[in-house]
Amino acid sequence: MNTKKTKSLTYILSLAVIALSTTTSCKKDKETPSRSDIERVEKITDSIFLYAKEAYLWNTSLPTYEVFNPRQYVQSDEEAGFNAELLKITKYPINPSTGVSYEEVAKYPSETKYSFISNTDNDNPIAFVGNAKSSVDLEGNGYDLGIDIKLYGTETNFDVFVTDVARNSPAEKAGIMRGDEITSINGTAVGNNFDAQEDLLNNTFYNDKVTPATLKGIKRDGSALSAVLSVSSYKGNPISKDTIYTAGAKKIGYMAYSSFTTLDKNSKPVLDAVFSKFATAGVTDLIIDLRYNGGGYVTTAQYLANLIAPISIDNSVMFSEHYNKNMQDKNIPLLSKKPYLNDDNTIRYSGGKMVTYADIPYSVAENTILFDKQGLLNNIRNVVFIVSSSTASASELVINSLKPYMNVQLVGEQTYGKPVGFFPIKIDKYDVYLSMFESRNKNDEADYYQGFTPDEPASDNVSYLLGDRNENSINAAYKYLVNGAFPGISSSSTSSIKTSRGAILKPFTEANKKLPAKGFRGMIEDRIKTK
C-alpha cells in the first residue's frame, strides 16, 4: 500500500479502521438501524478485510479491496455478515497438496477450520474460551456443569456417554464419571431424535442455559445415575489423570493433559508436580494423553516440550514461527497505527510512547525457539502420544517439535491438523483471530494441515477411565513401550468399541450432524515481545 497518497482509498479506509481500534459502540436498533449504525458495520467489514490483507498468513492470495467488496457482507445480523466475510477470505488461499482451501472443513463447508471472530459481548461471564461459550478457559476458570459427551449410534437411535469430567466441577463433585450414560435431561428422554434434542444437549453441556439440570441414566458400573447439577464457577486442573506403570524394571509415566492453560497461573504448578513424581520414580518412558487437548498457549506448549525433552537436546531448535512477508518486513501501515492492548484492554505504553503492533518482532530469527530443559526428568527414551480428532494446534506443536529428536509414536485417531497460530486483533467489540503464522520444527516441517496419522489406530473407549491400562489407546501405548511393538489393533477398531459392560457402540456419523467441540481449539502466541 502507498501510504504517501493521502487521498487514496486505502488511506481513507485506514482512518475508519483506526477509529474502530479501541472503541465499542452502543447496540443498534434491530428494527430501524440508523445511518451511523450502518456506517459502523461497514467500517468493521472494511477492517476485517484490510487487516487480513496485512496479517493473514496467506495474504498474497487475497484480491484487491475493490474486487472483494467487503461491504457486500453488511447484514441486519451483523455477526452473521462478519462470519460470512471471514469465510470468504479463507476460501482464497489454496493448499497445493489438497487443491482446496487451507481452512476448508469438508463436512461443514460453512465453517472455517482455523480463523474465527468472537463477539466479546457474548463471553461466558466466568470462563471464555475463544468461540466456545462454556468450558474451562485458558486461565483455568470453569463455568459450566463440567461434562463433555460423545454420541454413538444413529440420528434416531443414539447413546449419550460422558467422555470427560472437569476437575473440581459440579459434575465431579456429584460423582459423575467418564463412561456414565445419560438417558434423560430434565425429564426429556434423549437418544431417539437428534434434530429435536440437539438444542437440549448443547444448552445443557456446552452452554449455561439449562440449569439446574436433572440428569438420569446408567453409571459405568451399571447402577442408576441420578443427579441434579447447577452451573457454577470452579478452578479447573488441566491434568485429568497421572499414574506410573511398572513393567519389570521399566517405569512408564502416564499423564492425561486437557488444555495448554496459562503457564504460571494454572499449568506450571501441576505439570511440575507430576514430572517431579516421574523423576523420583525413575520413569524412562512416557505416555502423554492429548486426546481431548485442543491447544492453548504457545508458552505452555513450549514448557511441556522442555519437561519431556532429554537434556542432550538442550539449546537445539524447538520450533520457529513464520509470519507472512508483509509482517516480517513491517510493511503493515494499518497495524502500525493500531494500539497494542494489555490483558485488561488498556493501551500499552513504553517509554511514554504508545506501543503498536509494528513494535512486535515478526522475523523468523526473532521467533525461533530453542529447547531449554526444565525439570529433572532428563533421559526419556520414548514418548507415545494418545491423540484424536480433537488433538489440535499447541498439542500438535509439541509432537512436531519433539519428532526430530526422539522416538515419538502416536496412538489413536487422526489429529485435527493445525500448524498455524494467531493472536487477536480487536475491532470494535469483536476479537478477530486470523491465521497469522505457521510453526515449523527443526527440519522445517509443518505440512500437517490434514493432521498427524497415528502409528497405531485405536478407538477412544469411554467405558474405561483415563489411566486404566485396559482402555484401547492406553493398552496399545503401554504394550509398545514394554514390547517394542504395537499389539496390531486393526483400523476397524476405530469404527466401533466394546464397552466394559459388553455393549457395542458405533460412532455417531450422520452427515452434518455433530455437537460443538468443547473448549478452545487453537494456538495463541502469548510470548509477544514489544521493542
Protein backbone atom coordinates (compact mmCIF):
# COMPACT_ATOMS: atom_id res chain seq x y z
CA MET A 1 0.00 0.00 0.00
CA ASN A 2 1.23 3.51 -0.82
CA THR A 3 0.69 5.46 2.39
CA LYS A 4 2.08 8.65 0.80
CA LYS A 5 -1.05 9.06 -1.33
CA THR A 6 -3.18 10.55 1.40
CA LYS A 7 -6.16 10.84 -0.90
CA SER A 8 -6.10 7.14 -1.74
CA LEU A 9 -8.89 4.73 -0.86
CA THR A 10 -6.60 2.80 1.45
CA TYR A 11 -5.74 5.90 3.44
CA ILE A 12 -9.39 6.89 3.81
CA LEU A 13 -10.29 3.38 4.91
CA SER A 14 -7.38 3.28 7.33
CA LEU A 15 -8.95 6.16 9.23
CA ALA A 16 -12.08 4.09 9.65
CA VAL A 17 -10.04 1.10 10.75
CA ILE A 18 -8.12 3.07 13.37
CA ALA A 19 -11.33 4.63 14.65
CA LEU A 20 -12.57 1.12 15.45
CA SER A 21 -9.39 0.03 17.22
CA THR A 22 -10.33 0.94 20.77
CA THR A 23 -14.00 1.88 20.75
CA THR A 24 -17.20 -0.06 21.12
CA SER A 25 -20.45 1.49 20.01
CA CYS A 26 -23.84 1.04 21.60
CA LYS A 27 -26.19 -1.71 20.50
CA LYS A 28 -28.06 -0.92 17.32
CA ASP A 29 -31.82 -0.71 16.96
CA LYS A 30 -32.71 -4.00 15.37
CA GLU A 31 -35.86 -2.62 13.76
CA THR A 32 -34.65 0.62 12.19
CA PRO A 33 -30.86 0.88 12.18
CA SER A 34 -29.64 4.45 11.82
CA ARG A 35 -27.17 5.55 9.19
CA SER A 36 -24.49 5.75 11.91
CA ASP A 37 -25.21 2.11 12.84
CA ILE A 38 -24.85 1.06 9.21
CA GLU A 39 -21.63 3.05 8.84
CA ARG A 40 -20.22 1.33 11.93
CA VAL A 41 -20.90 -2.11 10.43
CA GLU A 42 -19.46 -1.01 7.09
CA LYS A 43 -16.26 0.09 8.83
CA ILE A 44 -15.98 -3.25 10.61
CA THR A 45 -16.31 -5.16 7.33
CA ASP A 46 -13.61 -2.91 5.87
CA SER A 47 -11.37 -3.51 8.87
CA ILE A 48 -11.68 -7.30 8.80
CA PHE A 49 -10.58 -7.40 5.17
CA LEU A 50 -7.84 -4.76 5.41
CA TYR A 51 -6.26 -6.33 8.48
CA ALA A 52 -6.35 -9.68 6.67
CA LYS A 53 -4.51 -8.07 3.74
CA GLU A 54 -1.71 -7.25 6.17
CA ALA A 55 -1.69 -10.05 8.75
CA TYR A 56 -3.32 -13.16 7.24
CA LEU A 57 -0.74 -15.89 6.69
CA TRP A 58 -1.79 -16.33 3.05
CA ASN A 59 -2.49 -12.63 2.40
CA THR A 60 -0.99 -12.64 -1.11
CA SER A 61 -3.91 -14.82 -2.23
CA LEU A 62 -6.45 -12.11 -1.39
CA PRO A 63 -7.81 -9.80 -4.11
CA THR A 64 -7.96 -6.01 -4.01
CA TYR A 65 -10.45 -4.16 -1.83
CA GLU A 66 -12.48 -3.24 -4.91
CA VAL A 67 -12.74 -6.83 -6.13
CA PHE A 68 -13.50 -8.29 -2.70
CA ASN A 69 -16.00 -5.52 -1.81
CA PRO A 70 -16.21 -6.07 1.99
CA ARG A 71 -19.39 -4.03 2.34
CA GLN A 72 -21.40 -6.65 0.49
CA TYR A 73 -21.31 -8.50 3.82
CA VAL A 74 -23.23 -5.81 5.70
CA GLN A 75 -26.29 -7.61 7.06
CA SER A 76 -29.04 -6.91 9.57
CA ASP A 77 -27.46 -9.70 11.60
CA GLU A 78 -24.04 -8.06 11.69
CA GLU A 79 -22.25 -11.02 13.26
CA ALA A 80 -23.53 -13.40 10.58
CA GLY A 81 -22.26 -10.97 7.96
CA PHE A 82 -18.79 -10.76 9.53
CA ASN A 83 -18.55 -14.54 9.69
CA ALA A 84 -19.62 -14.82 6.05
CA GLU A 85 -16.91 -12.32 5.14
CA LEU A 86 -14.25 -14.23 7.08
CA LEU A 87 -15.34 -17.48 5.44
CA LYS A 88 -14.93 -15.88 2.01
CA ILE A 89 -11.46 -14.58 2.93
CA THR A 90 -10.37 -18.09 3.87
CA LYS A 91 -11.57 -19.54 0.56
CA TYR A 92 -8.92 -17.71 -1.49
CA PRO A 93 -5.66 -19.43 -0.45
CA ILE A 94 -5.46 -22.97 -1.84
CA ASN A 95 -3.33 -25.72 -0.33
CA PRO A 96 -1.46 -27.23 -3.33
CA SER A 97 -1.37 -30.62 -1.57
CA THR A 98 -5.15 -30.88 -1.45
CA GLY A 99 -6.45 -28.49 -4.11
CA VAL A 100 -8.81 -26.85 -1.61
CA SER A 101 -8.56 -24.03 0.91
CA TYR A 102 -6.21 -24.49 3.85
CA GLU A 103 -9.18 -23.71 6.08
CA GLU A 104 -11.66 -26.00 4.30
CA VAL A 105 -13.84 -28.19 6.53
CA ALA A 106 -15.15 -30.80 4.11
CA LYS A 107 -18.21 -31.92 6.09
CA TYR A 108 -19.09 -28.41 7.19
CA PRO A 109 -18.49 -26.02 4.27
CA SER A 110 -19.90 -23.02 6.13
CA GLU A 111 -17.19 -23.25 8.81
CA THR A 112 -13.59 -22.10 8.89
CA LYS A 113 -11.02 -24.54 10.23
CA TYR A 114 -8.73 -22.05 11.96
CA SER A 115 -9.70 -18.37 11.84
CA PHE A 116 -12.73 -17.08 13.71
CA ILE A 117 -14.40 -13.95 15.06
CA SER A 118 -15.54 -13.69 18.67
CA ASN A 119 -18.19 -11.26 19.91
CA THR A 120 -16.87 -10.32 23.34
CA ASP A 121 -20.36 -9.21 24.43
CA ASN A 122 -21.32 -12.89 24.40
CA ASP A 123 -18.43 -14.10 26.54
CA ASN A 124 -19.26 -16.59 29.23
CA PRO A 125 -19.09 -14.36 32.36
CA ILE A 126 -16.57 -16.62 34.08
CA ALA A 127 -14.88 -18.85 31.52
CA PHE A 128 -14.40 -17.63 27.97
CA VAL A 129 -12.70 -19.95 25.51
CA GLY A 130 -12.33 -18.43 22.06
CA ASN A 131 -15.55 -19.11 20.19
CA ALA A 132 -16.78 -21.69 22.74
CA LYS A 133 -19.17 -20.31 25.32
CA SER A 134 -18.77 -22.91 28.03
CA SER A 135 -15.76 -24.80 29.26
CA VAL A 136 -12.70 -24.43 31.42
CA ASP A 137 -10.95 -21.46 29.87
CA LEU A 138 -7.26 -20.91 29.26
CA GLU A 139 -6.88 -19.31 32.69
CA GLY A 140 -8.24 -22.46 34.34
CA ASN A 141 -11.63 -20.89 35.16
CA GLY A 142 -14.68 -23.10 34.74
CA TYR A 143 -18.31 -22.05 34.48
CA ASP A 144 -20.50 -24.93 33.35
CA LEU A 145 -21.53 -28.40 34.55
CA GLY A 146 -18.08 -29.79 33.74
CA ILE A 147 -19.25 -32.58 31.43
CA ASP A 148 -18.11 -33.47 27.93
CA ILE A 149 -20.12 -36.04 25.98
CA LYS A 150 -19.91 -38.18 22.88
CA LEU A 151 -22.69 -39.71 20.82
CA TYR A 152 -22.76 -43.25 19.49
CA GLY A 153 -25.26 -44.71 17.03
CA THR A 154 -27.60 -43.09 14.54
CA GLU A 155 -29.64 -39.93 14.39
CA THR A 156 -32.73 -41.74 15.64
CA ASN A 157 -31.08 -44.28 17.94
CA PHE A 158 -28.03 -42.97 19.74
CA ASP A 159 -26.40 -43.25 23.15
CA VAL A 160 -25.02 -40.29 25.09
CA PHE A 161 -21.85 -41.12 27.03
CA VAL A 162 -19.76 -38.94 29.32
CA THR A 163 -16.24 -38.83 27.91
CA ASP A 164 -14.62 -36.44 30.36
CA VAL A 165 -15.41 -34.63 33.59
CA ALA A 166 -13.59 -31.43 34.50
CA ARG A 167 -11.65 -31.45 37.74
CA ASN A 168 -13.39 -29.61 40.62
CA SER A 169 -16.55 -29.13 38.54
CA PRO A 170 -20.16 -29.61 39.69
CA ALA A 171 -20.24 -32.93 37.81
CA GLU A 172 -17.12 -34.26 39.53
CA LYS A 173 -18.46 -33.23 42.93
CA ALA A 174 -21.70 -35.10 42.16
CA GLY A 175 -19.75 -38.28 41.37
CA ILE A 176 -20.37 -38.31 37.62
CA MET A 177 -17.57 -40.10 35.79
CA ARG A 178 -16.29 -40.89 32.34
CA GLY A 179 -18.28 -43.84 31.00
CA ASP A 180 -21.59 -42.85 32.58
CA GLU A 181 -24.53 -42.88 30.16
CA ILE A 182 -27.08 -40.04 30.08
CA THR A 183 -30.59 -41.12 29.09
CA SER A 184 -32.69 -38.12 30.12
CA ILE A 185 -32.32 -34.41 30.87
CA ASN A 186 -34.98 -32.67 32.98
CA GLY A 187 -37.40 -35.47 32.25
CA THR A 188 -36.85 -35.48 28.47
CA ALA A 189 -35.53 -38.78 27.11
CA VAL A 190 -32.53 -38.30 24.82
CA GLY A 191 -31.26 -40.64 22.13
CA ASN A 192 -34.15 -41.00 19.68
CA ASN A 193 -34.20 -37.76 17.67
CA PHE A 194 -31.01 -35.74 17.28
CA ASP A 195 -32.62 -32.81 15.46
CA ALA A 196 -35.24 -32.38 18.20
CA GLN A 197 -32.75 -32.85 21.04
CA GLU A 198 -29.71 -31.02 19.65
CA ASP A 199 -30.51 -27.74 21.41
CA LEU A 200 -31.16 -29.50 24.70
CA LEU A 201 -27.82 -31.31 24.53
CA ASN A 202 -25.96 -28.14 23.51
CA ASN A 203 -27.61 -25.94 26.12
CA THR A 204 -27.00 -28.45 28.89
CA PHE A 205 -23.41 -29.47 28.28
CA TYR A 206 -21.91 -26.75 26.07
CA ASN A 207 -23.66 -23.55 27.20
CA ASP A 208 -25.07 -22.44 30.52
CA LYS A 209 -28.74 -22.23 29.58
CA VAL A 210 -30.09 -25.39 31.26
CA THR A 211 -29.50 -25.06 34.97
CA PRO A 212 -30.27 -26.77 37.19
CA ALA A 213 -30.12 -29.91 35.05
CA THR A 214 -31.63 -33.15 36.31
CA LEU A 215 -29.64 -35.96 34.70
CA LYS A 216 -30.69 -39.59 34.74
CA GLY A 217 -29.03 -42.62 33.20
CA ILE A 218 -26.73 -45.55 33.88
CA LYS A 219 -23.45 -45.27 35.74
CA ARG A 220 -20.36 -47.00 34.39
CA ASP A 221 -20.77 -49.81 36.96
CA GLY A 222 -24.36 -50.49 35.82
CA SER A 223 -26.12 -48.76 38.71
CA ALA A 224 -28.68 -45.99 38.25
CA LEU A 225 -27.47 -42.43 37.68
CA SER A 226 -29.49 -39.57 39.11
CA ALA A 227 -28.07 -36.11 39.75
CA VAL A 228 -29.22 -32.51 39.85
CA LEU A 229 -26.45 -30.14 38.74
CA SER A 230 -26.29 -26.36 38.61
CA VAL A 231 -23.80 -24.29 36.65
CA SER A 232 -21.22 -22.75 38.95
CA SER A 233 -17.71 -21.35 38.80
CA TYR A 234 -14.72 -23.51 39.67
CA LYS A 235 -10.97 -23.64 39.19
CA GLY A 236 -10.04 -26.42 36.83
CA ASN A 237 -6.96 -28.62 36.77
CA PRO A 238 -5.68 -29.31 33.24
CA ILE A 239 -4.25 -32.69 34.28
CA SER A 240 -7.12 -35.17 34.30
CA LYS A 241 -5.06 -38.14 35.49
CA ASP A 242 -1.49 -39.20 36.10
CA THR A 243 -0.04 -42.52 37.14
CA ILE A 244 3.07 -44.69 36.85
CA TYR A 245 3.03 -48.19 35.35
CA THR A 246 5.66 -50.74 36.33
CA ALA A 247 6.73 -53.43 33.85
CA GLY A 248 9.68 -55.32 35.35
CA ALA A 249 12.47 -52.78 35.72
CA LYS A 250 10.71 -50.34 33.36
CA LYS A 251 8.81 -47.36 34.72
CA ILE A 252 6.27 -45.71 32.40
CA GLY A 253 4.75 -42.35 33.29
CA TYR A 254 1.20 -41.59 32.12
CA MET A 255 -0.40 -38.13 32.08
CA ALA A 256 -3.72 -37.02 30.58
CA TYR A 257 -3.50 -33.31 29.84
CA SER A 258 -6.62 -31.46 28.72
CA SER A 259 -5.51 -27.94 27.79
CA PHE A 260 -2.45 -25.70 27.48
CA THR A 261 -3.76 -23.21 30.02
CA THR A 262 -1.83 -20.14 31.10
CA LEU A 263 1.54 -21.30 32.33
CA ASP A 264 2.25 -19.57 35.63
CA LYS A 265 -1.34 -19.26 36.84
CA ASN A 266 -2.59 -22.76 36.07
CA SER A 267 -0.46 -25.32 34.22
CA LYS A 268 3.07 -24.97 35.59
CA PRO A 269 2.41 -25.96 39.23
CA VAL A 270 0.58 -29.18 38.29
CA LEU A 271 2.98 -30.08 35.46
CA ASP A 272 5.96 -29.58 37.78
CA ALA A 273 4.36 -31.80 40.43
CA VAL A 274 3.67 -34.65 38.00
CA PHE A 275 7.09 -34.56 36.32
CA SER A 276 8.80 -34.36 39.71
CA LYS A 277 6.92 -37.52 40.66
CA PHE A 278 8.05 -39.16 37.42
CA ALA A 279 11.68 -38.18 38.04
CA THR A 280 11.64 -39.51 41.62
CA ALA A 281 10.21 -42.84 40.41
CA GLY A 282 12.86 -43.20 37.71
CA VAL A 283 10.48 -43.01 34.75
CA THR A 284 12.23 -43.65 31.41
CA ASP A 285 9.26 -43.68 29.01
CA LEU A 286 6.14 -41.57 28.75
CA ILE A 287 2.52 -41.82 27.61
CA ILE A 288 1.10 -38.32 27.16
CA ASP A 289 -2.66 -38.41 26.61
CA LEU A 290 -3.75 -35.46 24.48
CA ARG A 291 -6.94 -36.98 23.05
CA TYR A 292 -9.10 -34.07 24.30
CA ASN A 293 -6.47 -31.33 24.14
CA GLY A 294 -7.35 -28.70 21.53
CA GLY A 295 -4.39 -26.46 22.27
CA GLY A 296 -3.89 -23.18 24.08
CA TYR A 297 -0.88 -21.02 24.83
CA VAL A 298 2.41 -21.41 22.96
CA THR A 299 4.35 -20.66 26.16
CA THR A 300 2.78 -23.64 27.90
CA ALA A 301 3.37 -25.96 24.94
CA GLN A 302 6.99 -24.86 24.96
CA TYR A 303 7.24 -25.65 28.69
CA LEU A 304 5.76 -29.15 28.32
CA ALA A 305 8.19 -29.92 25.49
CA ASN A 306 11.05 -28.80 27.72
CA LEU A 307 9.86 -31.11 30.52
CA ILE A 308 9.75 -34.09 28.16
CA ALA A 309 12.95 -33.40 26.20
CA PRO A 310 16.16 -35.22 27.15
CA ILE A 311 18.91 -32.94 28.37
CA SER A 312 21.01 -33.94 25.33
CA ILE A 313 18.95 -31.67 23.03
CA ASP A 314 19.24 -28.57 25.20
CA ASN A 315 19.77 -25.40 23.08
CA SER A 316 18.64 -27.16 19.89
CA VAL A 317 15.85 -25.65 17.78
CA MET A 318 12.41 -26.49 19.11
CA PHE A 319 10.32 -24.63 16.52
CA SER A 320 10.15 -21.41 14.53
CA GLU A 321 7.20 -19.21 13.64
CA HIS A 322 6.82 -17.92 10.09
CA TYR A 323 4.67 -14.83 9.50
CA ASN A 324 3.90 -13.53 6.03
CA LYS A 325 6.41 -11.30 4.24
CA ASN A 326 4.48 -8.10 4.96
CA MET A 327 4.64 -8.80 8.68
CA GLN A 328 8.30 -9.76 8.63
CA ASP A 329 9.19 -6.62 6.63
CA LYS A 330 6.93 -4.44 8.83
CA ASN A 331 5.04 -3.37 5.72
CA ILE A 332 1.87 -3.04 7.81
CA PRO A 333 0.63 0.57 7.70
CA LEU A 334 -2.69 -0.16 9.42
CA LEU A 335 -1.25 -2.34 12.18
CA SER A 336 1.48 0.23 12.74
CA LYS A 337 -1.24 2.64 13.86
CA LYS A 338 -3.17 0.12 15.93
CA PRO A 339 -2.54 0.23 19.69
CA TYR A 340 -1.31 -2.96 21.30
CA LEU A 341 -3.61 -3.76 24.23
CA ASN A 342 -2.73 -5.22 27.61
CA ASP A 343 -4.70 -8.14 29.06
CA ASP A 344 -7.13 -5.67 30.65
CA ASN A 345 -7.74 -3.99 27.26
CA THR A 346 -5.81 -0.85 28.21
CA ILE A 347 -3.32 0.59 25.73
CA ARG A 348 0.27 -0.40 26.38
CA TYR A 349 2.90 2.34 26.64
CA SER A 350 6.67 2.01 26.68
CA GLY A 351 8.92 4.97 27.46
CA GLY A 352 5.92 7.26 27.19
CA LYS A 353 5.18 6.06 23.64
CA MET A 354 2.11 4.10 22.64
CA VAL A 355 3.03 0.55 21.63
CA THR A 356 1.54 -0.64 18.32
CA TYR A 357 1.55 -3.95 16.50
CA ALA A 358 4.51 -2.71 14.48
CA ASP A 359 6.61 -2.81 17.65
CA ILE A 360 6.37 -6.61 17.74
CA PRO A 361 9.18 -8.56 16.02
CA TYR A 362 7.91 -10.87 13.28
CA SER A 363 11.10 -12.16 11.68
CA VAL A 364 11.87 -15.88 11.71
CA ALA A 365 15.15 -15.26 13.55
CA GLU A 366 13.34 -13.40 16.32
CA ASN A 367 10.71 -16.14 16.53
CA THR A 368 12.92 -19.23 16.64
CA ILE A 369 12.63 -21.04 19.96
CA LEU A 370 15.35 -23.29 21.40
CA PHE A 371 14.97 -26.12 23.88
CA ASP A 372 15.65 -25.03 27.45
CA LYS A 373 15.45 -28.20 29.54
CA GLN A 374 13.12 -28.00 32.54
CA GLY A 375 12.70 -30.38 35.45
CA LEU A 376 14.73 -33.41 36.50
CA LEU A 377 13.35 -35.99 34.06
CA ASN A 378 16.48 -35.94 31.92
CA ASN A 379 16.68 -39.17 29.94
CA ILE A 380 13.33 -40.04 28.41
CA ARG A 381 13.86 -42.62 25.68
CA ASN A 382 10.43 -42.92 24.12
CA VAL A 383 7.20 -40.97 24.23
CA VAL A 384 3.82 -42.15 22.96
CA PHE A 385 1.13 -39.53 22.46
CA ILE A 386 -2.51 -40.60 22.55
CA VAL A 387 -4.39 -38.45 20.03
CA SER A 388 -7.78 -37.96 18.39
CA SER A 389 -9.55 -35.58 16.02
CA SER A 390 -9.76 -33.19 18.99
CA THR A 391 -5.96 -33.08 19.34
CA ALA A 392 -5.01 -29.78 17.76
CA SER A 393 -2.66 -26.86 17.47
CA ALA A 394 -0.46 -26.46 20.58
CA SER A 395 -0.75 -30.23 21.13
CA GLU A 396 0.47 -30.85 17.59
CA LEU A 397 3.21 -28.26 18.11
CA VAL A 398 4.68 -30.33 20.98
CA ILE A 399 4.53 -33.52 18.90
CA ASN A 400 6.09 -31.88 15.84
CA SER A 401 8.84 -30.21 17.89
CA LEU A 402 9.97 -33.46 19.54
CA LYS A 403 9.80 -35.69 16.44
CA PRO A 404 13.26 -34.77 15.04
CA TYR A 405 14.97 -35.72 18.30
CA MET A 406 13.13 -38.60 19.97
CA ASN A 407 11.27 -41.80 19.27
CA VAL A 408 7.79 -40.29 19.09
CA GLN A 409 4.83 -42.59 18.40
CA LEU A 410 1.13 -41.76 18.03
CA VAL A 411 -1.81 -43.93 19.07
CA GLY A 412 -5.48 -43.20 18.44
CA GLU A 413 -7.12 -41.27 15.60
CA GLN A 414 -6.06 -38.71 13.00
CA THR A 415 -5.34 -35.38 14.69
CA TYR A 416 -7.09 -32.13 13.78
CA GLY A 417 -4.29 -30.60 11.71
CA LYS A 418 -3.45 -27.05 12.75
CA PRO A 419 0.16 -25.91 12.27
CA VAL A 420 -0.89 -22.26 12.41
CA GLY A 421 -1.39 -19.81 15.26
CA PHE A 422 -2.57 -16.30 16.00
CA PHE A 423 -3.16 -13.54 18.47
CA PRO A 424 -6.39 -11.50 18.47
CA ILE A 425 -6.93 -8.18 16.70
CA LYS A 426 -9.57 -6.07 18.43
CA ILE A 427 -12.12 -4.46 16.11
CA ASP A 428 -14.97 -2.72 17.90
CA LYS A 429 -16.46 -5.33 20.27
CA TYR A 430 -15.01 -8.22 18.28
CA ASP A 431 -11.80 -10.18 18.65
CA VAL A 432 -10.67 -11.32 15.21
CA TYR A 433 -8.42 -14.37 15.17
CA LEU A 434 -6.76 -14.63 11.75
CA SER A 435 -4.33 -17.44 10.96
CA MET A 436 -1.09 -15.46 11.26
CA PHE A 437 1.92 -17.74 11.44
CA GLU A 438 2.99 -21.26 10.60
CA SER A 439 5.05 -23.23 13.14
CA ARG A 440 7.84 -25.42 11.79
CA ASN A 441 10.15 -27.81 13.59
CA LYS A 442 13.92 -28.17 13.34
CA ASN A 443 13.57 -29.92 9.97
CA ASP A 444 11.34 -27.12 8.63
CA GLU A 445 8.35 -29.47 8.73
CA ALA A 446 4.85 -28.05 9.07
CA ASP A 447 2.81 -29.91 6.49
CA TYR A 448 0.22 -31.48 8.78
CA TYR A 449 -2.78 -29.44 7.73
CA GLN A 450 -4.69 -32.72 7.44
CA GLY A 451 -3.45 -33.86 10.84
CA PHE A 452 -0.97 -36.49 12.00
CA THR A 453 -1.77 -40.10 11.13
CA PRO A 454 -1.43 -42.40 14.15
CA ASP A 455 1.20 -45.12 14.08
CA GLU A 456 -1.39 -47.37 15.72
CA PRO A 457 -5.12 -46.75 15.17
CA ALA A 458 -7.20 -47.17 18.30
CA SER A 459 -10.65 -46.06 19.43
CA ASP A 460 -11.43 -43.98 22.48
CA ASN A 461 -13.17 -46.50 24.75
CA VAL A 462 -15.16 -44.27 27.09
CA SER A 463 -16.18 -47.16 29.34
CA TYR A 464 -12.67 -47.19 30.84
CA LEU A 465 -11.33 -44.35 32.94
CA LEU A 466 -8.34 -42.35 31.78
CA GLY A 467 -5.26 -44.08 33.14
CA ASP A 468 -6.82 -47.57 33.01
CA ARG A 469 -4.47 -49.89 31.07
CA ASN A 470 -7.48 -51.78 29.67
CA GLU A 471 -8.55 -48.74 27.65
CA ASN A 472 -7.77 -49.32 23.95
CA SER A 473 -5.34 -46.47 23.32
CA ILE A 474 -3.55 -46.74 26.65
CA ASN A 475 -3.20 -50.50 26.24
CA ALA A 476 -1.65 -50.08 22.78
CA ALA A 477 0.79 -47.43 24.03
CA TYR A 478 1.76 -49.49 27.08
CA LYS A 479 2.42 -52.64 25.03
CA TYR A 480 4.56 -50.69 22.59
CA LEU A 481 6.74 -49.32 25.37
CA VAL A 482 7.04 -52.72 27.06
CA ASN A 483 7.48 -54.93 24.00
CA GLY A 484 8.87 -52.52 21.40
CA ALA A 485 5.92 -53.15 19.06
CA PHE A 486 2.24 -52.32 18.91
CA PRO A 487 -0.26 -55.15 19.52
CA GLY A 488 -1.59 -54.81 15.97
CA ILE A 489 -5.03 -53.38 16.63
CA SER A 490 -6.79 -53.25 13.26
CA SER A 491 -8.07 -49.96 11.93
CA SER A 492 -11.60 -51.36 12.16
CA SER A 493 -11.33 -50.96 15.92
CA THR A 494 -11.78 -47.23 15.43
CA SER A 495 -15.25 -47.71 13.94
CA SER A 496 -16.83 -49.32 17.00
CA ILE A 497 -15.95 -50.19 20.56
CA LYS A 498 -16.94 -52.83 23.07
CA THR A 499 -17.71 -51.36 26.46
CA SER A 500 -16.77 -52.88 29.79
CA ARG A 501 -20.46 -53.89 30.11
CA GLY A 502 -20.32 -55.74 26.78
CA ALA A 503 -22.27 -53.26 24.63
CA ILE A 504 -21.06 -52.47 21.10
CA LEU A 505 -21.02 -48.76 20.34
CA LYS A 506 -20.74 -47.33 16.84
CA PRO A 507 -19.67 -43.70 16.30
CA PHE A 508 -22.31 -41.11 15.53
CA THR A 509 -21.56 -40.46 11.87
CA GLU A 510 -24.71 -38.90 10.44
CA ALA A 511 -23.86 -36.41 7.69
CA ASN A 512 -23.53 -32.85 9.00
CA LYS A 513 -24.70 -33.85 12.48
CA LYS A 514 -22.43 -33.04 15.36
CA LEU A 515 -22.14 -31.35 18.71
CA PRO A 516 -19.71 -28.45 19.13
CA ALA A 517 -16.11 -29.06 20.10
CA LYS A 518 -15.75 -28.27 23.76
CA GLY A 519 -13.02 -25.91 24.85
CA PHE A 520 -10.52 -23.88 22.92
CA ARG A 521 -9.02 -25.22 19.69
CA GLY A 522 -6.03 -23.17 18.64
CA MET A 523 -2.56 -21.89 19.36
CA ILE A 524 -2.27 -18.44 20.91
CA GLU A 525 1.09 -16.73 20.75
CA ASP A 526 1.40 -15.21 24.21
CA ARG A 527 5.16 -14.69 24.09
CA ILE A 528 4.61 -11.38 22.28
CA LYS A 529 7.67 -9.21 22.71
CA THR A 530 7.50 -5.46 22.13
CA LYS A 531 10.59 -3.44 21.41
